[in-house]
Amino acid sequence: MSVWLRRWAGIASLTALLPATASGQSASRGPATTPPEEPPASRLWVVAGGAFVAQRGDCQTCEEDFEYRQASGLLADIGYSVTRRMDVGGELFWTSAETASGHIRTTQIDAVAQFRPWTSKGFFLKGGAGMAFVRNWVDASGPDAINSKALSVMIGGGWAFRPGERVGMQIFAMQHASALGDLQTATGEIGDVIGNFWSIGAAIVFR
């Protein structure tokens, strides 16, 4: 009888040690991998605002020194949030400048990407490329505008207030550049024209 008791006591002891052994093996494993960063609850990204714009034209064959002109501008973005750090979408930038012989309106439509290095901070970087459409009212022979197309690029950055909220605000500083190529004016054709637009402004952000 004592033999059977010793056997059952040994089995009970082994059974009691099994959970402790399993827990020890689990503790020896490495830390759990961090899950991938989840996008925000709403993936919509909308920005609308205005800016003060300083613009200047230039060309490789021009001997004259083009002056800087001040103007106002409008900025609008729409797209979606890939993650809490990255937004992608399309941007519309519009500005109008007065010249001695008329005025010039420029509309840039770019595909853009915006990146925030820290999700808890408002700092962001932005860049993109697309097309620019220029309406040039300097034709002395008639009231119609001269329309031109150009390749455009943009870079910039800024600071977003309340970056984690549905509605926030941001301030930004950006540069848009338009490579027009040949620009037709009232006095003739000007080759290799480039327009530079430096803007500082503020906008409302919806997410």
N, C-alpha and C. Protein backbone atom coordinates (compact mmCIF):
# COMPACT_ATOMS: atom_id res chain seq x y z
N MET A 1 0.83 -1.20 0.00
CA MET A 1 0.00 0.00 0.00
C MET A 1 0.86 1.25 0.00
N SER A 2 1.94 1.23 0.75
CA SER A 2 2.83 2.39 0.81
C SER A 2 3.49 2.64 -0.53
N VAL A 3 3.74 1.59 -1.31
CA VAL A 3 4.34 1.76 -2.64
C VAL A 3 3.42 2.57 -3.53
N TRP A 4 2.11 2.22 -3.52
CA TRP A 4 1.14 2.96 -4.34
C TRP A 4 1.02 4.40 -3.89
N LEU A 5 1.08 4.64 -2.59
CA LEU A 5 1.00 6.02 -2.11
C LEU A 5 2.18 6.84 -2.58
N ARG A 6 3.40 6.20 -2.54
CA ARG A 6 4.58 6.94 -2.99
C ARG A 6 4.49 7.25 -4.48
N ARG A 7 3.94 6.32 -5.26
CA ARG A 7 3.81 6.57 -6.71
C ARG A 7 2.85 7.73 -6.98
N TRP A 8 1.68 7.71 -6.33
CA TRP A 8 0.70 8.78 -6.53
C TRP A 8 1.24 10.11 -6.04
N ALA A 9 2.01 10.11 -4.98
CA ALA A 9 2.61 11.36 -4.49
C ALA A 9 3.62 11.92 -5.50
N GLY A 10 4.39 11.02 -6.14
CA GLY A 10 5.35 11.47 -7.16
C GLY A 10 4.65 12.05 -8.37
N ILE A 11 3.55 11.41 -8.82
CA ILE A 11 2.79 11.92 -9.97
C ILE A 11 2.22 13.29 -9.65
N ALA A 12 1.66 13.47 -8.44
CA ALA A 12 1.10 14.76 -8.04
C ALA A 12 2.17 15.84 -8.02
N SER A 13 3.38 15.49 -7.57
CA SER A 13 4.46 16.48 -7.52
C SER A 13 4.87 16.92 -8.92
N LEU A 14 4.96 15.99 -9.87
CA LEU A 14 5.31 16.33 -11.26
C LEU A 14 4.24 17.20 -11.90
N THR A 15 2.98 16.90 -11.60
CA THR A 15 1.88 17.69 -12.16
C THR A 15 1.93 19.12 -11.65
N ALA A 16 2.26 19.29 -10.40
CA ALA A 16 2.34 20.64 -9.83
C ALA A 16 3.50 21.44 -10.41
N LEU A 17 4.57 20.79 -10.83
CA LEU A 17 5.72 21.50 -11.38
C LEU A 17 5.55 21.91 -12.83
N LEU A 18 4.60 21.30 -13.58
CA LEU A 18 4.44 21.61 -15.00
C LEU A 18 4.08 23.08 -15.26
N PRO A 19 3.10 23.70 -14.55
CA PRO A 19 2.80 25.11 -14.81
C PRO A 19 3.98 26.03 -14.55
N ALA A 20 4.77 25.73 -13.50
CA ALA A 20 5.93 26.57 -13.20
C ALA A 20 6.96 26.50 -14.32
N THR A 21 7.15 25.28 -14.88
CA THR A 21 8.09 25.12 -15.98
C THR A 21 7.63 25.89 -17.21
N ALA A 22 6.32 25.82 -17.52
CA ALA A 22 5.78 26.52 -18.70
C ALA A 22 5.92 28.01 -18.55
N SER A 23 5.64 28.52 -17.32
CA SER A 23 5.75 29.97 -17.11
C SER A 23 7.20 30.42 -17.22
N GLY A 24 8.14 29.61 -16.80
CA GLY A 24 9.55 29.96 -16.91
C GLY A 24 9.98 30.04 -18.35
N GLN A 25 9.48 29.10 -19.19
CA GLN A 25 9.83 29.13 -20.61
C GLN A 25 9.25 30.37 -21.28
N SER A 26 8.02 30.78 -20.88
CA SER A 26 7.41 31.96 -21.47
C SER A 26 8.19 33.20 -21.09
N ALA A 27 8.69 33.27 -19.82
CA ALA A 27 9.42 34.44 -19.39
C ALA A 27 10.76 34.56 -20.09
N SER A 28 11.35 33.44 -20.52
CA SER A 28 12.64 33.48 -21.17
C SER A 28 12.56 33.99 -22.60
N ARG A 29 11.37 34.06 -23.18
CA ARG A 29 11.24 34.53 -24.55
C ARG A 29 11.47 36.04 -24.60
N GLY A 30 11.84 36.55 -25.77
CA GLY A 30 12.11 37.97 -25.94
C GLY A 30 10.83 38.78 -25.81
N PRO A 31 10.95 40.10 -25.70
CA PRO A 31 9.78 40.97 -25.59
C PRO A 31 8.92 40.90 -26.83
N ALA A 32 7.63 41.15 -26.64
CA ALA A 32 6.70 41.09 -27.76
C ALA A 32 7.02 42.19 -28.77
N THR A 33 6.87 41.87 -30.03
CA THR A 33 7.14 42.85 -31.08
C THR A 33 6.10 43.94 -31.05
N THR A 34 6.52 45.17 -31.34
CA THR A 34 5.62 46.31 -31.34
C THR A 34 4.71 46.23 -32.56
N PRO A 35 3.41 46.34 -32.39
CA PRO A 35 2.51 46.27 -33.54
C PRO A 35 2.73 47.46 -34.45
N PRO A 36 2.45 47.31 -35.74
CA PRO A 36 2.63 48.42 -36.67
C PRO A 36 1.76 49.60 -36.29
N GLU A 37 2.24 50.79 -36.63
CA GLU A 37 1.53 52.01 -36.27
C GLU A 37 0.19 52.08 -37.00
N GLU A 38 -0.86 52.32 -36.25
CA GLU A 38 -2.19 52.35 -36.82
C GLU A 38 -2.53 53.74 -37.34
N PRO A 39 -3.27 53.83 -38.45
CA PRO A 39 -3.69 55.14 -38.92
C PRO A 39 -4.74 55.73 -38.00
N PRO A 40 -4.97 57.04 -38.06
CA PRO A 40 -5.99 57.65 -37.22
C PRO A 40 -7.37 57.13 -37.56
N ALA A 41 -8.34 57.39 -36.66
CA ALA A 41 -9.69 56.88 -36.86
C ALA A 41 -10.30 57.40 -38.14
N SER A 42 -10.11 58.69 -38.43
CA SER A 42 -10.58 59.27 -39.68
C SER A 42 -9.39 59.43 -40.61
N ARG A 43 -9.48 58.94 -41.84
CA ARG A 43 -8.36 59.00 -42.76
C ARG A 43 -8.42 60.22 -43.66
N LEU A 44 -9.47 61.04 -43.52
CA LEU A 44 -9.60 62.24 -44.34
C LEU A 44 -8.60 63.30 -43.88
N TRP A 45 -8.02 64.03 -44.83
CA TRP A 45 -7.06 65.09 -44.55
C TRP A 45 -7.40 66.29 -45.42
N VAL A 46 -7.82 67.39 -44.81
CA VAL A 46 -8.23 68.59 -45.54
C VAL A 46 -7.56 69.79 -44.91
N VAL A 47 -6.96 70.65 -45.75
CA VAL A 47 -6.30 71.87 -45.29
C VAL A 47 -6.79 73.02 -46.17
N ALA A 48 -7.11 74.16 -45.56
CA ALA A 48 -7.54 75.34 -46.30
C ALA A 48 -7.03 76.58 -45.59
N GLY A 49 -6.37 77.49 -46.34
CA GLY A 49 -5.84 78.69 -45.71
C GLY A 49 -5.35 79.70 -46.72
N GLY A 50 -4.72 80.75 -46.21
CA GLY A 50 -4.18 81.82 -47.03
C GLY A 50 -2.75 82.12 -46.67
N ALA A 51 -2.09 82.92 -47.54
CA ALA A 51 -0.68 83.19 -47.33
C ALA A 51 -0.28 84.53 -47.92
N PHE A 52 0.78 85.07 -47.38
CA PHE A 52 1.49 86.20 -47.99
C PHE A 52 2.56 85.62 -48.90
N VAL A 53 2.63 86.10 -50.14
CA VAL A 53 3.50 85.50 -51.15
C VAL A 53 4.47 86.55 -51.70
N ALA A 54 5.74 86.20 -51.76
CA ALA A 54 6.76 86.98 -52.47
C ALA A 54 7.18 86.16 -53.69
N GLN A 55 7.10 86.77 -54.86
CA GLN A 55 7.40 86.02 -56.08
C GLN A 55 8.37 86.79 -56.96
N ARG A 56 9.10 86.01 -57.74
CA ARG A 56 10.11 86.60 -58.62
C ARG A 56 10.32 85.68 -59.81
N GLY A 57 10.37 86.26 -60.99
CA GLY A 57 10.66 85.51 -62.21
C GLY A 57 12.11 85.65 -62.60
N ASP A 58 12.58 84.69 -63.37
CA ASP A 58 13.97 84.73 -63.83
C ASP A 58 14.09 83.89 -65.09
N CYS A 59 15.11 84.18 -65.89
CA CYS A 59 15.39 83.36 -67.08
C CYS A 59 16.88 83.42 -67.37
N GLN A 60 17.37 82.41 -68.07
CA GLN A 60 18.81 82.30 -68.30
C GLN A 60 19.33 83.33 -69.29
N THR A 61 18.50 83.73 -70.24
CA THR A 61 18.95 84.64 -71.30
C THR A 61 18.58 86.09 -71.04
N CYS A 62 17.90 86.38 -69.93
CA CYS A 62 17.46 87.75 -69.65
C CYS A 62 18.61 88.55 -69.04
N GLU A 63 18.81 89.77 -69.55
CA GLU A 63 19.83 90.64 -69.00
C GLU A 63 19.30 91.50 -67.86
N GLU A 64 18.00 91.75 -67.87
CA GLU A 64 17.43 92.58 -66.81
C GLU A 64 17.29 91.79 -65.51
N ASP A 65 17.27 92.54 -64.42
CA ASP A 65 17.11 91.95 -63.10
C ASP A 65 15.66 92.09 -62.67
N PHE A 66 14.96 90.97 -62.56
CA PHE A 66 13.54 91.00 -62.23
C PHE A 66 13.35 91.35 -60.75
N GLU A 67 12.36 92.16 -60.47
CA GLU A 67 12.11 92.57 -59.10
C GLU A 67 11.22 91.58 -58.37
N TYR A 68 11.27 91.63 -57.04
CA TYR A 68 10.39 90.83 -56.21
C TYR A 68 9.04 91.53 -56.13
N ARG A 69 7.97 90.73 -56.18
CA ARG A 69 6.62 91.27 -56.09
C ARG A 69 5.90 90.59 -54.92
N GLN A 70 5.07 91.37 -54.24
CA GLN A 70 4.30 90.85 -53.12
C GLN A 70 2.85 90.64 -53.55
N ALA A 71 2.26 89.56 -53.05
CA ALA A 71 0.89 89.24 -53.41
C ALA A 71 0.29 88.36 -52.32
N SER A 72 -0.99 88.11 -52.43
CA SER A 72 -1.66 87.17 -51.54
C SER A 72 -1.86 85.85 -52.26
N GLY A 73 -2.09 84.80 -51.50
CA GLY A 73 -2.27 83.48 -52.09
C GLY A 73 -3.24 82.63 -51.30
N LEU A 74 -3.75 81.60 -51.95
CA LEU A 74 -4.65 80.63 -51.34
C LEU A 74 -4.05 79.25 -51.44
N LEU A 75 -4.27 78.44 -50.40
CA LEU A 75 -3.72 77.09 -50.35
C LEU A 75 -4.81 76.12 -49.91
N ALA A 76 -4.91 74.98 -50.60
CA ALA A 76 -5.89 73.95 -50.23
C ALA A 76 -5.29 72.58 -50.49
N ASP A 77 -5.44 71.67 -49.52
CA ASP A 77 -5.00 70.28 -49.65
C ASP A 77 -6.18 69.36 -49.36
N ILE A 78 -6.21 68.23 -50.05
CA ILE A 78 -7.17 67.19 -49.73
C ILE A 78 -6.53 65.84 -50.01
N GLY A 79 -6.73 64.89 -49.10
CA GLY A 79 -6.14 63.57 -49.26
C GLY A 79 -6.53 62.68 -48.10
N TYR A 80 -5.63 61.78 -47.72
CA TYR A 80 -5.92 60.87 -46.62
C TYR A 80 -4.65 60.60 -45.84
N SER A 81 -4.83 60.17 -44.61
CA SER A 81 -3.72 59.87 -43.71
C SER A 81 -3.33 58.41 -43.85
N VAL A 82 -2.10 58.17 -44.28
CA VAL A 82 -1.60 56.81 -44.39
C VAL A 82 -1.33 56.24 -43.00
N THR A 83 -0.64 57.01 -42.17
CA THR A 83 -0.41 56.69 -40.76
C THR A 83 -0.57 57.99 -39.98
N ARG A 84 -0.30 57.92 -38.68
CA ARG A 84 -0.37 59.14 -37.87
C ARG A 84 0.77 60.09 -38.18
N ARG A 85 1.75 59.65 -38.92
CA ARG A 85 2.88 60.49 -39.29
C ARG A 85 2.83 60.98 -40.73
N MET A 86 2.15 60.27 -41.61
CA MET A 86 2.22 60.54 -43.04
C MET A 86 0.85 60.84 -43.63
N ASP A 87 0.77 61.95 -44.40
CA ASP A 87 -0.42 62.31 -45.15
C ASP A 87 -0.04 62.44 -46.63
N VAL A 88 -0.91 62.01 -47.51
CA VAL A 88 -0.69 62.16 -48.94
C VAL A 88 -1.97 62.70 -49.58
N GLY A 89 -1.81 63.41 -50.70
CA GLY A 89 -2.99 63.95 -51.36
C GLY A 89 -2.60 64.91 -52.46
N GLY A 90 -3.53 65.81 -52.78
CA GLY A 90 -3.32 66.81 -53.81
C GLY A 90 -3.40 68.21 -53.21
N GLU A 91 -2.63 69.13 -53.79
CA GLU A 91 -2.60 70.51 -53.30
C GLU A 91 -2.86 71.48 -54.43
N LEU A 92 -3.64 72.53 -54.12
CA LEU A 92 -3.88 73.64 -55.04
C LEU A 92 -3.33 74.91 -54.41
N PHE A 93 -2.45 75.58 -55.14
CA PHE A 93 -1.87 76.85 -54.69
C PHE A 93 -2.13 77.90 -55.74
N TRP A 94 -2.75 79.03 -55.33
CA TRP A 94 -3.13 80.08 -56.28
C TRP A 94 -2.62 81.42 -55.78
N THR A 95 -2.09 82.22 -56.73
CA THR A 95 -1.64 83.56 -56.39
C THR A 95 -1.75 84.44 -57.62
N SER A 96 -1.85 85.75 -57.39
CA SER A 96 -1.98 86.73 -58.46
C SER A 96 -1.08 87.91 -58.17
N ALA A 97 -0.32 88.36 -59.18
CA ALA A 97 0.63 89.46 -59.00
C ALA A 97 0.36 90.55 -60.03
N GLU A 98 0.47 91.80 -59.60
CA GLU A 98 0.32 92.95 -60.49
C GLU A 98 1.68 93.36 -61.05
N THR A 99 1.70 93.67 -62.35
CA THR A 99 2.91 94.15 -63.01
C THR A 99 2.62 95.51 -63.64
N ALA A 100 3.63 96.13 -64.20
CA ALA A 100 3.45 97.44 -64.82
C ALA A 100 2.55 97.37 -66.04
N SER A 101 2.51 96.23 -66.72
CA SER A 101 1.72 96.09 -67.94
C SER A 101 0.49 95.19 -67.77
N GLY A 102 0.20 94.75 -66.57
CA GLY A 102 -0.96 93.89 -66.36
C GLY A 102 -0.77 93.05 -65.11
N HIS A 103 -1.46 91.94 -65.06
CA HIS A 103 -1.30 91.04 -63.92
C HIS A 103 -1.19 89.61 -64.39
N ILE A 104 -0.60 88.79 -63.54
CA ILE A 104 -0.33 87.38 -63.84
C ILE A 104 -0.91 86.53 -62.72
N ARG A 105 -1.70 85.55 -63.09
CA ARG A 105 -2.26 84.61 -62.13
C ARG A 105 -1.63 83.24 -62.35
N THR A 106 -1.22 82.64 -61.25
CA THR A 106 -0.58 81.33 -61.31
C THR A 106 -1.34 80.35 -60.42
N THR A 107 -1.66 79.20 -60.97
CA THR A 107 -2.33 78.13 -60.23
C THR A 107 -1.47 76.87 -60.34
N GLN A 108 -1.04 76.36 -59.20
CA GLN A 108 -0.25 75.13 -59.17
C GLN A 108 -1.07 74.00 -58.57
N ILE A 109 -1.06 72.87 -59.25
CA ILE A 109 -1.74 71.66 -58.77
C ILE A 109 -0.68 70.58 -58.63
N ASP A 110 -0.42 70.15 -57.40
CA ASP A 110 0.67 69.22 -57.12
C ASP A 110 0.17 68.01 -56.34
N ALA A 111 0.83 66.89 -56.56
CA ALA A 111 0.69 65.73 -55.68
C ALA A 111 1.68 65.91 -54.55
N VAL A 112 1.22 65.84 -53.30
CA VAL A 112 2.08 66.17 -52.16
C VAL A 112 2.06 65.06 -51.13
N ALA A 113 3.12 65.05 -50.32
CA ALA A 113 3.22 64.16 -49.16
C ALA A 113 3.70 64.98 -47.98
N GLN A 114 3.08 64.76 -46.83
CA GLN A 114 3.43 65.50 -45.61
C GLN A 114 3.84 64.50 -44.53
N PHE A 115 4.95 64.78 -43.88
CA PHE A 115 5.51 63.84 -42.90
C PHE A 115 5.75 64.56 -41.58
N ARG A 116 5.33 63.93 -40.47
CA ARG A 116 5.58 64.44 -39.12
C ARG A 116 6.53 63.47 -38.41
N PRO A 117 7.74 63.91 -38.07
CA PRO A 117 8.68 63.00 -37.41
C PRO A 117 8.18 62.49 -36.06
N TRP A 118 7.41 63.31 -35.32
CA TRP A 118 6.92 62.93 -34.00
C TRP A 118 5.40 63.07 -33.98
N THR A 119 4.71 62.02 -33.58
CA THR A 119 3.25 62.06 -33.56
C THR A 119 2.72 63.00 -32.49
N SER A 120 3.47 63.22 -31.43
CA SER A 120 3.02 64.09 -30.35
C SER A 120 3.40 65.54 -30.57
N LYS A 121 4.19 65.83 -31.59
CA LYS A 121 4.63 67.19 -31.87
C LYS A 121 3.98 67.68 -33.17
N GLY A 122 3.95 68.99 -33.34
CA GLY A 122 3.28 69.56 -34.50
C GLY A 122 4.16 69.80 -35.70
N PHE A 123 5.48 69.63 -35.58
CA PHE A 123 6.39 69.92 -36.69
C PHE A 123 6.15 68.97 -37.86
N PHE A 124 6.12 69.51 -39.09
CA PHE A 124 5.94 68.66 -40.28
C PHE A 124 6.77 69.18 -41.44
N LEU A 125 7.08 68.27 -42.36
CA LEU A 125 7.78 68.57 -43.61
C LEU A 125 6.87 68.18 -44.76
N LYS A 126 7.02 68.87 -45.89
CA LYS A 126 6.09 68.68 -46.99
C LYS A 126 6.81 68.85 -48.32
N GLY A 127 6.43 68.06 -49.31
CA GLY A 127 7.02 68.17 -50.64
C GLY A 127 6.11 67.59 -51.69
N GLY A 128 6.31 68.02 -52.95
CA GLY A 128 5.46 67.49 -54.02
C GLY A 128 5.86 68.05 -55.37
N ALA A 129 5.13 67.62 -56.39
CA ALA A 129 5.39 68.04 -57.77
C ALA A 129 4.10 67.91 -58.57
N GLY A 130 4.03 68.69 -59.65
CA GLY A 130 2.83 68.63 -60.49
C GLY A 130 2.91 69.59 -61.66
N MET A 131 1.80 70.32 -61.90
CA MET A 131 1.70 71.23 -63.03
C MET A 131 1.30 72.62 -62.55
N ALA A 132 1.75 73.64 -63.27
CA ALA A 132 1.38 75.03 -63.01
C ALA A 132 0.70 75.59 -64.26
N PHE A 133 -0.34 76.39 -64.06
CA PHE A 133 -1.07 77.03 -65.14
C PHE A 133 -1.00 78.54 -64.93
N VAL A 134 -0.46 79.25 -65.92
CA VAL A 134 -0.20 80.68 -65.81
C VAL A 134 -1.07 81.42 -66.81
N ARG A 135 -1.82 82.43 -66.31
CA ARG A 135 -2.60 83.32 -67.18
C ARG A 135 -1.95 84.70 -67.11
N ASN A 136 -1.45 85.14 -68.27
CA ASN A 136 -0.61 86.33 -68.34
C ASN A 136 -1.35 87.42 -69.13
N TRP A 137 -1.83 88.45 -68.41
CA TRP A 137 -2.55 89.55 -69.06
C TRP A 137 -1.58 90.69 -69.38
N VAL A 138 -0.67 90.48 -70.30
CA VAL A 138 0.28 91.53 -70.72
C VAL A 138 0.31 91.64 -72.24
N ASP A 139 -0.75 91.18 -72.89
CA ASP A 139 -0.82 91.23 -74.34
C ASP A 139 -1.36 92.60 -74.76
N ALA A 140 -0.51 93.43 -75.36
CA ALA A 140 -0.93 94.78 -75.72
C ALA A 140 -1.89 94.81 -76.90
N SER A 141 -1.99 93.73 -77.65
CA SER A 141 -2.83 93.72 -78.85
C SER A 141 -4.29 93.40 -78.55
N GLY A 142 -4.63 93.00 -77.32
CA GLY A 142 -6.01 92.67 -77.02
C GLY A 142 -6.19 92.34 -75.56
N PRO A 143 -7.46 92.17 -75.14
CA PRO A 143 -7.73 91.92 -73.72
C PRO A 143 -7.55 90.47 -73.29
N ASP A 144 -7.37 89.57 -74.23
CA ASP A 144 -7.30 88.15 -73.88
C ASP A 144 -5.97 87.83 -73.18
N ALA A 145 -6.03 86.81 -72.32
CA ALA A 145 -4.84 86.38 -71.59
C ALA A 145 -4.04 85.38 -72.41
N ILE A 146 -2.76 85.34 -72.13
CA ILE A 146 -1.87 84.33 -72.70
C ILE A 146 -1.72 83.22 -71.68
N ASN A 147 -2.09 82.01 -72.05
CA ASN A 147 -2.06 80.88 -71.13
C ASN A 147 -0.80 80.04 -71.37
N SER A 148 -0.18 79.66 -70.29
CA SER A 148 1.02 78.83 -70.35
C SER A 148 0.93 77.71 -69.32
N LYS A 149 1.63 76.61 -69.61
CA LYS A 149 1.72 75.50 -68.68
C LYS A 149 3.18 75.31 -68.28
N ALA A 150 3.37 74.75 -67.08
CA ALA A 150 4.73 74.57 -66.57
C ALA A 150 4.78 73.39 -65.63
N LEU A 151 5.97 72.83 -65.50
CA LEU A 151 6.22 71.82 -64.46
C LEU A 151 6.46 72.55 -63.14
N SER A 152 5.95 72.01 -62.06
CA SER A 152 6.08 72.68 -60.76
C SER A 152 6.57 71.71 -59.70
N VAL A 153 7.28 72.26 -58.74
CA VAL A 153 7.72 71.51 -57.56
C VAL A 153 7.49 72.40 -56.34
N MET A 154 7.36 71.80 -55.18
CA MET A 154 7.19 72.55 -53.95
C MET A 154 7.83 71.82 -52.78
N ILE A 155 8.37 72.60 -51.85
CA ILE A 155 8.91 72.08 -50.59
C ILE A 155 8.49 73.05 -49.48
N GLY A 156 8.46 72.55 -48.27
CA GLY A 156 8.10 73.43 -47.16
C GLY A 156 8.01 72.69 -45.86
N GLY A 157 7.54 73.40 -44.86
CA GLY A 157 7.38 72.84 -43.53
C GLY A 157 6.56 73.79 -42.68
N GLY A 158 6.31 73.38 -41.46
CA GLY A 158 5.51 74.22 -40.58
C GLY A 158 5.25 73.55 -39.25
N TRP A 159 4.27 74.09 -38.55
CA TRP A 159 3.91 73.59 -37.23
C TRP A 159 2.39 73.51 -37.13
N ALA A 160 1.90 72.35 -36.71
CA ALA A 160 0.46 72.12 -36.55
C ALA A 160 0.08 72.19 -35.08
N PHE A 161 -0.94 72.95 -34.77
CA PHE A 161 -1.47 73.04 -33.42
C PHE A 161 -2.61 72.04 -33.27
N ARG A 162 -2.65 71.36 -32.12
CA ARG A 162 -3.63 70.30 -31.85
C ARG A 162 -3.57 69.22 -32.95
N PRO A 163 -2.41 68.61 -33.18
CA PRO A 163 -2.27 67.65 -34.27
C PRO A 163 -3.12 66.40 -34.13
N GLY A 164 -3.51 66.06 -32.90
CA GLY A 164 -4.31 64.85 -32.70
C GLY A 164 -5.81 65.08 -32.69
N GLU A 165 -6.26 66.33 -32.88
CA GLU A 165 -7.67 66.64 -32.82
C GLU A 165 -8.30 66.62 -34.21
N ARG A 166 -9.64 66.58 -34.23
CA ARG A 166 -10.36 66.58 -35.50
C ARG A 166 -10.17 67.88 -36.26
N VAL A 167 -10.19 69.00 -35.53
CA VAL A 167 -10.03 70.31 -36.15
C VAL A 167 -8.83 70.98 -35.48
N GLY A 168 -7.90 71.46 -36.28
CA GLY A 168 -6.72 72.12 -35.76
C GLY A 168 -6.31 73.27 -36.65
N MET A 169 -5.11 73.76 -36.43
CA MET A 169 -4.59 74.89 -37.18
C MET A 169 -3.11 74.69 -37.41
N GLN A 170 -2.59 75.24 -38.49
CA GLN A 170 -1.17 75.14 -38.77
C GLN A 170 -0.64 76.44 -39.36
N ILE A 171 0.64 76.72 -39.12
CA ILE A 171 1.36 77.78 -39.79
C ILE A 171 2.41 77.12 -40.67
N PHE A 172 2.71 77.73 -41.81
CA PHE A 172 3.60 77.07 -42.77
C PHE A 172 4.45 78.10 -43.50
N ALA A 173 5.57 77.63 -44.03
CA ALA A 173 6.45 78.39 -44.91
C ALA A 173 6.85 77.46 -46.05
N MET A 174 6.61 77.89 -47.29
CA MET A 174 6.81 77.01 -48.44
C MET A 174 7.42 77.76 -49.62
N GLN A 175 8.00 77.00 -50.52
CA GLN A 175 8.46 77.54 -51.79
C GLN A 175 7.89 76.71 -52.93
N HIS A 176 7.24 77.39 -53.86
CA HIS A 176 6.76 76.77 -55.09
C HIS A 176 7.59 77.31 -56.25
N ALA A 177 7.96 76.45 -57.16
CA ALA A 177 8.74 76.84 -58.34
C ALA A 177 8.07 76.29 -59.59
N SER A 178 7.99 77.13 -60.62
CA SER A 178 7.36 76.74 -61.89
C SER A 178 8.35 76.94 -63.02
N ALA A 179 8.65 75.87 -63.75
CA ALA A 179 9.54 75.94 -64.91
C ALA A 179 8.68 76.10 -66.16
N LEU A 180 8.53 77.34 -66.61
CA LEU A 180 7.63 77.64 -67.74
C LEU A 180 8.23 77.27 -69.09
N GLY A 181 9.54 77.27 -69.20
CA GLY A 181 10.14 77.09 -70.51
C GLY A 181 10.07 78.40 -71.28
N ASP A 182 9.36 78.43 -72.40
CA ASP A 182 9.22 79.64 -73.21
C ASP A 182 7.91 80.33 -72.87
N LEU A 183 7.99 81.63 -72.49
CA LEU A 183 6.83 82.41 -72.12
C LEU A 183 6.55 83.44 -73.20
N GLN A 184 5.33 83.42 -73.74
CA GLN A 184 4.92 84.37 -74.76
C GLN A 184 4.39 85.64 -74.10
N THR A 185 4.95 86.79 -74.47
CA THR A 185 4.50 88.08 -73.94
C THR A 185 4.17 89.01 -75.10
N ALA A 186 3.75 90.24 -74.78
CA ALA A 186 3.39 91.20 -75.81
C ALA A 186 4.58 91.62 -76.65
N THR A 187 5.77 91.61 -76.09
CA THR A 187 6.97 92.03 -76.81
C THR A 187 7.72 90.88 -77.47
N GLY A 188 7.25 89.65 -77.26
CA GLY A 188 7.92 88.51 -77.88
C GLY A 188 7.98 87.32 -76.94
N GLU A 189 8.78 86.35 -77.32
CA GLU A 189 8.91 85.12 -76.55
C GLU A 189 10.17 85.16 -75.70
N ILE A 190 10.02 84.80 -74.42
CA ILE A 190 11.16 84.75 -73.50
C ILE A 190 11.43 83.29 -73.17
N GLY A 191 12.68 82.87 -73.33
CA GLY A 191 13.02 81.46 -73.13
C GLY A 191 13.49 81.14 -71.73
N ASP A 192 13.26 79.90 -71.32
CA ASP A 192 13.74 79.37 -70.05
C ASP A 192 13.32 80.22 -68.86
N VAL A 193 12.03 80.44 -68.74
CA VAL A 193 11.50 81.26 -67.66
C VAL A 193 11.18 80.37 -66.46
N ILE A 194 11.56 80.82 -65.27
CA ILE A 194 11.27 80.13 -64.02
C ILE A 194 10.62 81.11 -63.06
N GLY A 195 9.52 80.70 -62.46
CA GLY A 195 8.85 81.51 -61.45
C GLY A 195 9.04 80.91 -60.08
N ASN A 196 9.44 81.73 -59.12
CA ASN A 196 9.63 81.28 -57.74
C ASN A 196 8.64 82.01 -56.85
N PHE A 197 8.01 81.25 -55.94
CA PHE A 197 6.99 81.78 -55.05
C PHE A 197 7.31 81.33 -53.62
N TRP A 198 7.58 82.31 -52.75
CA TRP A 198 7.83 82.02 -51.35
C TRP A 198 6.61 82.48 -50.55
N SER A 199 6.04 81.58 -49.76
CA SER A 199 4.79 81.89 -49.06
C SER A 199 4.91 81.58 -47.58
N ILE A 200 4.28 82.45 -46.78
CA ILE A 200 4.14 82.27 -45.33
C ILE A 200 2.68 82.47 -45.00
N GLY A 201 2.06 81.50 -44.31
CA GLY A 201 0.64 81.63 -44.04
C GLY A 201 0.15 80.72 -42.94
N ALA A 202 -1.17 80.66 -42.83
CA ALA A 202 -1.84 79.84 -41.83
C ALA A 202 -3.04 79.16 -42.46
N ALA A 203 -3.42 78.02 -41.90
CA ALA A 203 -4.53 77.25 -42.47
C ALA A 203 -5.24 76.46 -41.38
N ILE A 204 -6.48 76.11 -41.66
CA ILE A 204 -7.28 75.25 -40.80
C ILE A 204 -7.13 73.80 -41.30
N VAL A 205 -7.01 72.86 -40.37
CA VAL A 205 -6.79 71.45 -40.71
C VAL A 205 -7.97 70.64 -40.19
N PHE A 206 -8.56 69.80 -41.05
CA PHE A 206 -9.63 68.89 -40.67
C PHE A 206 -9.15 67.46 -40.87
N ARG A 207 -9.40 66.63 -39.86
CA ARG A 207 -9.02 65.21 -39.93
C ARG A 207 -10.18 64.34 -39.50
